């Protein structure tokens, strides 16, 4: 006799348990210590880079309009609303899917496009969200080709933004 009614699949049970437990632990595991400091540093850098447009990053401005672009921004903004690591990861993956409709994820400009989307969205506590996800999401998902790949690209985009020199960009809009 099944333990759960309807014979729920084990993956669904695992996700439900993860959501419950991480919801209970969220205030103690999310955005604490060094992550809180890094969130402030990243937010300050994003504020400094507010003037950056597509041309600064070598992107076609037409990429940054339309339903796919807006949907990607919306997904980034929803990352902060999730308490479960799997849900935060799904938001990042969904954002990358939308941007992937504009530029192939294997294209060299994809990281820059994602970086610009992050810069436009300025999701709250993004560093903490990415680190929390990396620490607590199921390792099989973190290392999966699709979800893990998109998640890794998102972390690369954040690092790209963190290390951009605003003075060099302001001198020439053709980075």
Protein backbone atom coordinates (compact mmCIF):
# COMPACT_ATOMS: atom_id res chain seq x y z
CA UNK A 1 0.00 0.00 0.00
CA UNK A 2 1.53 3.38 -1.03
CA UNK A 3 2.52 5.75 1.73
CA UNK A 4 1.10 8.73 -0.20
CA UNK A 5 -2.35 8.81 -1.82
CA UNK A 6 -2.38 8.71 -5.59
CA UNK A 7 1.10 7.21 -5.72
CA UNK A 8 2.95 10.51 -6.06
CA UNK A 9 6.22 10.17 -7.91
CA UNK A 10 9.31 10.26 -5.67
CA UNK A 11 10.65 13.39 -7.43
CA UNK A 12 7.47 15.31 -6.59
CA UNK A 13 7.68 14.17 -2.97
CA UNK A 14 11.31 15.24 -2.82
CA UNK A 15 10.53 18.69 -4.20
CA UNK A 16 7.61 19.11 -1.82
CA UNK A 17 9.79 18.14 1.12
CA UNK A 18 12.54 20.48 -0.10
CA UNK A 19 10.07 23.37 -0.36
CA UNK A 20 8.76 22.69 3.13
CA UNK A 21 12.17 22.35 4.78
CA UNK A 22 13.82 25.23 2.98
CA UNK A 23 10.81 27.41 3.73
CA UNK A 24 11.38 26.67 7.41
CA UNK A 25 15.15 27.29 7.19
CA UNK A 26 15.05 30.19 4.73
CA UNK A 27 15.72 33.02 7.19
CA UNK A 28 18.72 31.18 8.62
CA UNK A 29 20.18 29.90 5.33
CA UNK A 30 19.53 32.72 2.87
CA UNK A 31 21.45 35.97 2.55
CA UNK A 32 23.46 35.66 5.73
CA UNK A 33 27.10 36.41 6.46
CA UNK A 34 29.32 37.05 3.47
CA UNK A 35 26.39 36.66 1.06
CA UNK A 36 24.69 39.73 2.54
CA UNK A 37 27.87 41.74 2.04
CA UNK A 38 28.27 40.49 -1.54
CA UNK A 39 24.65 41.45 -2.27
CA UNK A 40 25.44 45.03 -1.23
CA UNK A 41 28.61 45.09 -3.34
CA UNK A 42 26.78 43.69 -6.38
CA UNK A 43 23.90 46.13 -5.94
CA UNK A 44 26.34 49.05 -5.77
CA UNK A 45 28.05 47.84 -8.95
CA UNK A 46 24.69 47.47 -10.74
CA UNK A 47 23.79 51.00 -9.68
CA UNK A 48 27.12 52.26 -11.02
CA UNK A 49 26.49 50.44 -14.32
CA UNK A 50 22.94 51.77 -14.74
CA UNK A 51 24.03 53.79 -17.80
CA UNK A 52 25.15 50.68 -19.70
CA UNK A 53 23.17 49.92 -22.83
CA UNK A 54 23.33 47.21 -25.47
CA UNK A 55 25.96 49.07 -27.54
CA UNK A 56 28.33 49.18 -24.55
CA UNK A 57 28.26 45.38 -24.49
CA UNK A 58 28.44 44.90 -28.24
CA UNK A 59 24.80 43.81 -28.47
CA UNK A 60 22.18 44.66 -31.07
CA UNK A 61 19.68 47.01 -29.36
CA UNK A 62 16.78 45.22 -31.08
CA UNK A 63 17.43 42.21 -28.80
CA UNK A 64 16.37 44.20 -25.76
CA UNK A 65 12.73 44.69 -26.69
CA UNK A 66 9.72 42.47 -27.16
CA UNK A 67 7.94 39.67 -25.37
CA UNK A 68 10.93 37.34 -24.91
CA UNK A 69 13.06 40.12 -23.40
CA UNK A 70 10.23 41.22 -21.09
CA UNK A 71 9.53 37.62 -20.05
CA UNK A 72 13.22 37.11 -19.23
CA UNK A 73 13.22 40.25 -17.07
CA UNK A 74 10.04 39.08 -15.32
CA UNK A 75 11.63 35.72 -14.49
CA UNK A 76 14.70 37.43 -13.04
CA UNK A 77 12.48 39.57 -10.84
CA UNK A 78 10.68 36.45 -9.57
CA UNK A 79 13.92 34.78 -8.40
CA UNK A 80 13.75 36.72 -5.13
CA UNK A 81 10.16 35.60 -4.53
CA UNK A 82 11.08 31.92 -4.30
CA UNK A 83 12.24 30.28 -1.09
CA UNK A 84 13.00 26.82 -2.49
CA UNK A 85 16.33 26.47 -4.29
CA UNK A 86 14.72 24.44 -7.08
CA UNK A 87 12.26 27.28 -7.74
CA UNK A 88 15.04 29.88 -7.84
CA UNK A 89 16.89 27.68 -10.32
CA UNK A 90 13.78 27.26 -12.46
CA UNK A 91 13.38 31.04 -12.67
CA UNK A 92 16.97 31.40 -13.87
CA UNK A 93 16.50 28.58 -16.39
CA UNK A 94 13.25 30.13 -17.62
CA UNK A 95 14.96 33.50 -18.05
CA UNK A 96 17.69 31.82 -20.11
CA UNK A 97 15.08 30.04 -22.25
CA UNK A 98 13.48 33.36 -23.09
CA UNK A 99 16.82 34.95 -23.90
CA UNK A 100 17.73 31.83 -25.88
CA UNK A 101 14.90 32.70 -28.24
CA UNK A 102 16.84 35.90 -29.03
CA UNK A 103 20.42 34.58 -29.06
CA UNK A 104 21.60 30.97 -28.93
CA UNK A 105 22.96 30.13 -25.46
CA UNK A 106 26.10 28.84 -27.19
CA UNK A 107 26.69 32.24 -28.82
CA UNK A 108 29.44 34.31 -27.26
CA UNK A 109 27.07 37.21 -26.76
CA UNK A 110 24.61 35.23 -24.63
CA UNK A 111 26.42 35.94 -21.34
CA UNK A 112 26.47 39.66 -22.21
CA UNK A 113 22.76 39.59 -23.08
CA UNK A 114 21.97 37.88 -19.78
CA UNK A 115 24.20 40.37 -17.98
CA UNK A 116 22.24 43.23 -19.54
CA UNK A 117 18.96 41.59 -18.52
CA UNK A 118 20.28 41.31 -14.95
CA UNK A 119 21.35 44.94 -15.10
CA UNK A 120 17.89 46.02 -16.30
CA UNK A 121 15.98 43.82 -13.83
CA UNK A 122 18.28 44.37 -10.84
CA UNK A 123 16.79 41.41 -8.96
CA UNK A 124 16.87 41.80 -5.21
CA UNK A 125 19.64 39.85 -3.45
CA UNK A 126 20.75 38.06 -6.61
CA UNK A 127 24.12 36.99 -5.25
CA UNK A 128 22.43 35.36 -2.25
CA UNK A 129 19.86 33.67 -4.48
CA UNK A 130 22.52 32.13 -6.70
CA UNK A 131 24.70 31.01 -3.80
CA UNK A 132 21.74 29.62 -1.86
CA UNK A 133 20.68 27.67 -4.93
CA UNK A 134 24.19 26.35 -5.51
CA UNK A 135 24.40 25.18 -1.90
CA UNK A 136 21.00 23.59 -1.49
CA UNK A 137 19.55 22.49 -4.83
CA UNK A 138 19.64 18.79 -5.69
CA UNK A 139 23.14 18.17 -7.12
CA UNK A 140 21.64 16.20 -10.02
CA UNK A 141 19.82 19.34 -11.13
CA UNK A 142 22.81 21.57 -10.53
CA UNK A 143 24.96 19.38 -12.78
CA UNK A 144 22.32 18.61 -15.40
CA UNK A 145 23.16 19.76 -18.91
CA UNK A 146 20.25 22.16 -19.30
CA UNK A 147 19.44 23.53 -15.86
CA UNK A 148 22.99 23.41 -14.59
CA UNK A 149 24.32 24.94 -17.77
CA UNK A 150 21.93 27.88 -17.63
CA UNK A 151 22.62 28.34 -13.93
CA UNK A 152 26.37 28.40 -14.56
CA UNK A 153 25.90 30.96 -17.34
CA UNK A 154 23.87 33.13 -14.94
CA UNK A 155 26.67 33.02 -12.39
CA UNK A 156 29.13 33.94 -15.15
CA UNK A 157 26.94 36.90 -16.15
CA UNK A 158 26.96 38.16 -12.55
CA UNK A 159 30.75 37.86 -12.43
CA UNK A 160 30.97 39.68 -15.75
CA UNK A 161 28.97 42.57 -14.29
CA UNK A 162 30.92 42.52 -11.03
CA UNK A 163 34.18 43.03 -12.92
CA UNK A 164 33.08 45.53 -15.58
CA UNK A 165 34.96 48.81 -15.39
CA UNK A 166 32.36 51.58 -15.63
CA UNK A 167 34.98 54.19 -16.57
CA UNK A 168 36.19 52.14 -19.52
CA UNK A 169 32.60 51.63 -20.69
CA UNK A 170 31.64 55.28 -20.34
CA UNK A 171 34.55 56.30 -22.59
CA UNK A 172 33.23 54.28 -25.52
CA UNK A 173 29.80 52.76 -26.15
CA UNK A 174 31.44 50.13 -28.40
CA UNK A 175 32.92 47.72 -25.85
